[in-house]
Protein backbone atom coordinates (compact mmCIF):
# COMPACT_ATOMS: atom_id res chain seq x y z
CA MET A 1 -56.56 -13.84 0.16
CA ARG A 2 -55.30 -16.73 -1.95
CA HIS A 3 -53.66 -16.20 -5.30
CA SER A 4 -54.72 -18.31 -8.20
CA ASN A 5 -51.11 -19.23 -8.94
CA ASP A 6 -50.35 -20.06 -5.30
CA ASN A 7 -48.43 -23.32 -5.26
CA GLY A 8 -48.95 -25.90 -2.61
CA PHE A 9 -46.14 -27.42 -0.60
CA ALA A 10 -45.83 -30.47 -2.80
CA GLU A 11 -45.58 -28.37 -5.97
CA ARG A 12 -42.92 -26.15 -4.42
CA ARG A 13 -41.04 -29.23 -3.30
CA THR A 14 -41.06 -30.80 -6.76
CA ALA A 15 -40.04 -27.47 -8.35
CA ALA A 16 -37.07 -27.22 -5.97
CA ALA A 17 -36.08 -30.81 -6.72
CA GLU A 18 -36.32 -30.16 -10.47
CA ALA A 19 -34.17 -27.00 -10.12
CA LYS A 20 -31.61 -28.97 -8.18
CA ARG A 21 -31.63 -31.74 -10.80
CA GLN A 22 -31.11 -29.16 -13.60
CA LEU A 23 -28.24 -27.55 -11.69
CA LEU A 24 -26.57 -30.93 -11.20
CA ALA A 25 -27.05 -31.72 -14.89
CA LYS A 26 -25.44 -28.42 -15.79
CA PHE A 27 -22.38 -29.23 -13.69
CA ALA A 28 -22.29 -32.79 -15.00
CA THR A 29 -22.02 -31.51 -18.59
CA ALA A 30 -19.37 -28.92 -17.66
CA PRO A 31 -15.90 -29.65 -19.06
CA LYS A 32 -13.67 -31.67 -16.72
CA ALA A 33 -10.13 -30.72 -15.76
CA THR A 34 -8.79 -33.50 -17.97
CA ASP A 35 -10.65 -32.20 -21.02
CA PRO A 36 -8.17 -30.88 -23.66
CA GLU A 37 -10.20 -27.71 -24.16
CA MET A 38 -10.13 -27.01 -20.41
CA GLN A 39 -6.40 -27.73 -20.27
CA GLY A 40 -5.90 -25.27 -23.13
CA ARG A 41 -7.84 -22.59 -21.25
CA LEU A 42 -5.85 -23.26 -18.08
CA ALA A 43 -2.59 -23.06 -20.04
CA ALA A 44 -3.68 -19.77 -21.64
CA ARG A 45 -4.65 -18.40 -18.23
CA GLU A 46 -1.26 -19.50 -16.85
CA THR A 47 0.53 -17.81 -19.76
CA VAL A 48 -1.36 -14.57 -19.15
CA ALA A 49 -0.53 -14.74 -15.43
CA VAL A 50 3.18 -15.28 -16.16
CA ALA A 51 3.21 -12.37 -18.63
CA ARG A 52 1.41 -10.16 -16.11
CA GLU A 53 3.94 -11.05 -13.41
CA ALA A 54 6.82 -10.33 -15.82
CA ARG A 55 5.35 -6.90 -16.63
CA ARG A 56 4.89 -6.18 -12.92
CA ALA A 57 8.50 -7.17 -12.21
CA GLU A 58 9.68 -4.97 -15.09
CA ARG A 59 7.71 -2.01 -13.72
CA GLU A 60 9.17 -2.57 -10.25
CA ALA A 61 12.70 -2.75 -11.67
CA LEU A 62 12.10 0.47 -13.61
CA LYS A 63 10.80 2.19 -10.48
CA ARG A 64 13.85 1.03 -8.51
CA ALA A 65 16.16 2.26 -11.28
CA GLU A 66 14.42 5.64 -11.39
CA ALA A 67 14.59 5.93 -7.60
CA ALA A 68 18.31 5.08 -7.65
CA ALA A 69 18.93 7.66 -10.39
CA ALA A 70 16.98 10.29 -8.46
CA MET A 71 18.91 9.46 -5.30
CA ALA A 72 22.23 9.67 -7.15
CA ALA A 73 21.23 13.04 -8.64
CA ALA A 74 20.20 14.32 -5.21
CA GLU A 75 23.50 13.15 -3.70
CA ALA A 76 25.47 14.79 -6.52
CA LEU A 77 23.56 18.04 -6.00
CA GLU A 78 24.15 17.85 -2.27
CA ARG A 79 27.87 17.23 -2.82
CA LYS A 80 28.04 20.16 -5.25
CA GLU A 81 26.27 22.44 -2.74
CA ALA A 82 28.60 21.28 0.06
CA GLU A 83 31.63 21.98 -2.15
CA ALA A 84 30.22 25.42 -2.99
CA ARG A 85 29.72 26.14 0.73
CA GLN A 86 33.27 24.99 1.48
CA ALA A 87 34.62 27.17 -1.33
CA GLU A 88 32.64 30.14 -0.01
CA ILE A 89 33.97 29.55 3.50
CA ALA A 90 37.54 29.25 2.18
CA ASP A 91 37.09 32.43 0.11
CA HIS A 92 35.71 34.29 3.11
CA ALA A 93 38.62 33.08 5.25
CA SER A 94 41.21 34.09 2.65
CA ARG A 95 39.61 37.53 2.31
CA ALA A 96 39.62 37.93 6.08
CA LEU A 97 43.30 36.95 6.22
CA ALA A 98 44.12 39.33 3.35
CA ALA A 99 42.23 42.16 5.07
CA GLU A 100 44.01 41.43 8.36
CA ALA A 101 47.37 41.40 6.55
CA ALA A 102 46.51 44.72 4.85
CA ARG A 103 45.56 46.27 8.21
CA LYS A 104 48.78 45.01 9.79
CA ALA A 105 50.82 46.34 6.87
CA GLU A 106 49.07 49.73 7.18
CA ARG A 107 49.67 49.76 10.94
CA ASP A 108 53.34 48.85 10.44
CA ARG A 109 53.66 51.60 7.78
CA ARG A 110 52.16 54.16 10.14
CA TYR A 111 54.42 52.99 12.96
CA ALA A 112 57.49 53.25 10.71
CA ALA A 113 56.40 56.74 9.55
CA ARG A 114 55.92 57.85 13.15
CA LYS A 115 59.36 56.52 14.07
CA ALA A 116 60.87 58.27 11.04
CA ARG A 117 59.31 61.61 12.06
CA ARG A 118 60.76 61.33 15.59
CA ALA A 119 64.21 60.44 14.44
């Protein structure tokens, strides 16, 4: 079944050529790279890109600074915990030595008392 608006080959060919001609005309009227308006747009785009890169670099520097601060805090906490463990070990050792000295003193006292009873 043929449509009433069915185009023949020649009509389709001329329509395609006309579309191509209009597309080329559109690009021909587009601003060139040497056009001052286009150079202004490119400069504005460049400025935005530089500002964006500066903000990205600032964010990265801030992240690095925060990471360094967090690492320093973690190291300080670790050092403090290690010092606390060392102090606890030293305290435990001194208590053990004091208890051993007290036991020895008590043993020596008992020994001296036993010797005094025999004499």
